[in-house]
C-alpha atoms as a PDB file:
ATOM      1  CA  UNK A   1      85.907 118.063  92.046  1.00  0.00           C
ATOM      2  CA  UNK A   2      84.680 115.088  94.693  1.00  0.00           C
ATOM      3  CA  UNK A   3      87.418 113.500  96.789  1.00  0.00           C
ATOM      4  CA  UNK A   4      87.657 110.267  98.247  1.00  0.00           C
ATOM      5  CA  UNK A   5      89.562 108.772 101.520  1.00  0.00           C
ATOM      6  CA  UNK A   6      90.782 105.312 101.336  1.00  0.00           C
ATOM      7  CA  UNK A   7      92.742 104.175 104.418  1.00  0.00           C
ATOM      8  CA  UNK A   8      95.492 101.943 103.595  1.00  0.00           C
ATOM      9  CA  UNK A   9      97.756  99.067 105.788  1.00  0.00           C
ATOM     10  CA  UNK A  10     101.390  98.649 105.049  1.00  0.00           C
ATOM     11  CA  UNK A  11     102.851 102.484 103.721  1.00  0.00           C
ATOM     12  CA  UNK A  12     105.844 103.390 105.654  1.00  0.00           C
ATOM     13  CA  UNK A  13     107.774 105.595 104.058  1.00  0.00           C
ATOM     14  CA  UNK A  14     108.580 108.058 101.437  1.00  0.00           C
ATOM     15  CA  UNK A  15     108.749 105.469  98.645  1.00  0.00           C
ATOM     16  CA  UNK A  16     105.290 103.601  99.238  1.00  0.00           C
ATOM     17  CA  UNK A  17     103.319 106.880  99.287  1.00  0.00           C
ATOM     18  CA  UNK A  18     104.769 107.413  95.821  1.00  0.00           C
ATOM     19  CA  UNK A  19     103.795 104.046  94.644  1.00  0.00           C
ATOM     20  CA  UNK A  20     100.610 104.388  95.628  1.00  0.00           C
ATOM     21  CA  UNK A  21     100.437 107.801  93.763  1.00  0.00           C
ATOM     22  CA  UNK A  22     101.515 106.356  90.942  1.00  0.00           C
ATOM     23  CA  UNK A  23      99.541 103.778  90.367  1.00  0.00           C
ATOM     24  CA  UNK A  24      95.826 105.689  91.274  1.00  0.00           C
ATOM     25  CA  UNK A  25      97.173 108.889  88.991  1.00  0.00           C
ATOM     26  CA  UNK A  26      96.826 106.509  85.977  1.00  0.00           C
ATOM     27  CA  UNK A  27      93.098 106.253  86.527  1.00  0.00           C
ATOM     28  CA  UNK A  28      90.947 108.644  84.023  1.00  0.00           C
ATOM     29  CA  UNK A  29      89.681 111.529  86.048  1.00  0.00           C
ATOM     30  CA  UNK A  30      92.142 111.165  88.668  1.00  0.00           C
ATOM     31  CA  UNK A  31      93.201 114.928  88.993  1.00  0.00           C
ATOM     32  CA  UNK A  32      95.055 114.326  92.167  1.00  0.00           C
ATOM     33  CA  UNK A  33      96.377 112.106  94.640  1.00  0.00           C
ATOM     34  CA  UNK A  34      98.320 112.105  98.262  1.00  0.00           C
ATOM     35  CA  UNK A  35      99.344 109.262 100.208  1.00  0.00           C
ATOM     36  CA  UNK A  36     100.362 109.844 103.859  1.00  0.00           C
ATOM     37  CA  UNK A  37     102.332 106.156 105.533  1.00  0.00           C
ATOM     38  CA  UNK A  38     101.887 108.329 108.899  1.00  0.00           C
ATOM     39  CA  UNK A  39      98.041 108.444 108.604  1.00  0.00           C
ATOM     40  CA  UNK A  40      97.376 105.638 106.750  1.00  0.00           C
ATOM     41  CA  UNK A  41      95.357 107.140 103.800  1.00  0.00           C
ATOM     42  CA  UNK A  42      95.222 108.108 100.633  1.00  0.00           C
ATOM     43  CA  UNK A  43      93.150 110.782  99.470  1.00  0.00           C
ATOM     44  CA  UNK A  44      92.110 110.931  95.479  1.00  0.00           C
ATOM     45  CA  UNK A  45      90.613 114.031  94.174  1.00  0.00           C
ATOM     46  CA  UNK A  46      88.755 113.742  90.980  1.00  0.00           C
ATOM     47  CA  UNK A  47      87.215 115.879  88.425  1.00  0.00           C
ATOM     48  CA  UNK A  48      84.457 113.112  87.499  1.00  0.00           C
ATOM     49  CA  UNK A  49      83.226 110.314  89.393  1.00  0.00           C
ATOM     50  CA  UNK A  50      85.925 107.949  89.669  1.00  0.00           C
ATOM     51  CA  UNK A  51      85.484 103.543  90.777  1.00  0.00           C
ATOM     52  CA  UNK A  52      86.284 103.377  94.648  1.00  0.00           C
ATOM     53  CA  UNK A  53      86.872  99.669  93.672  1.00  0.00           C
ATOM     54  CA  UNK A  54      89.385 100.025  91.284  1.00  0.00           C
ATOM     55  CA  UNK A  55      90.955 102.537  92.954  1.00  0.00           C
ATOM     56  CA  UNK A  56      91.171  99.465  95.946  1.00  0.00           C
ATOM     57  CA  UNK A  57      92.302  97.640  93.160  1.00  0.00           C
ATOM     58  CA  UNK A  58      94.660  99.077  91.912  1.00  0.00           C
ATOM     59  CA  UNK A  59      96.627 100.326  95.769  1.00  0.00           C
ATOM     60  CA  UNK A  60      96.119  95.693  96.134  1.00  0.00           C
ATOM     61  CA  UNK A  61      97.900  95.059  92.935  1.00  0.00           C
ATOM     62  CA  UNK A  62     100.912  96.821  93.969  1.00  0.00           C
ATOM     63  CA  UNK A  63     100.849  94.752  97.428  1.00  0.00           C
ATOM     64  CA  UNK A  64      99.491  97.262  99.907  1.00  0.00           C
ATOM     65  CA  UNK A  65      96.244  95.838 101.671  1.00  0.00           C
ATOM     66  CA  UNK A  66      92.988  98.545 101.616  1.00  0.00           C
ATOM     67  CA  UNK A  67      91.031  98.683 104.986  1.00  0.00           C
ATOM     68  CA  UNK A  68      87.792  97.404 104.698  1.00  0.00           C
ATOM     69  CA  UNK A  69      85.594 100.316 106.317  1.00  0.00           C
ATOM     70  CA  UNK A  70      82.474  98.537 108.081  1.00  0.00           C
END
């Protein structure tokens, strides 16, 4: 299993968490998604290599901002 943590701006409630989780659960290979609006992070667990770019694109497509890491 591979765990990826993505920083996300714009999640303000449990409904936002659900939208992000549902958007990412549809990606092939993703096993589990936990979004935390208070911490501003999404933790994705995948059984195989899943493109981080694909995950970020899905998050941005539903209206949230992925924080770019330096």
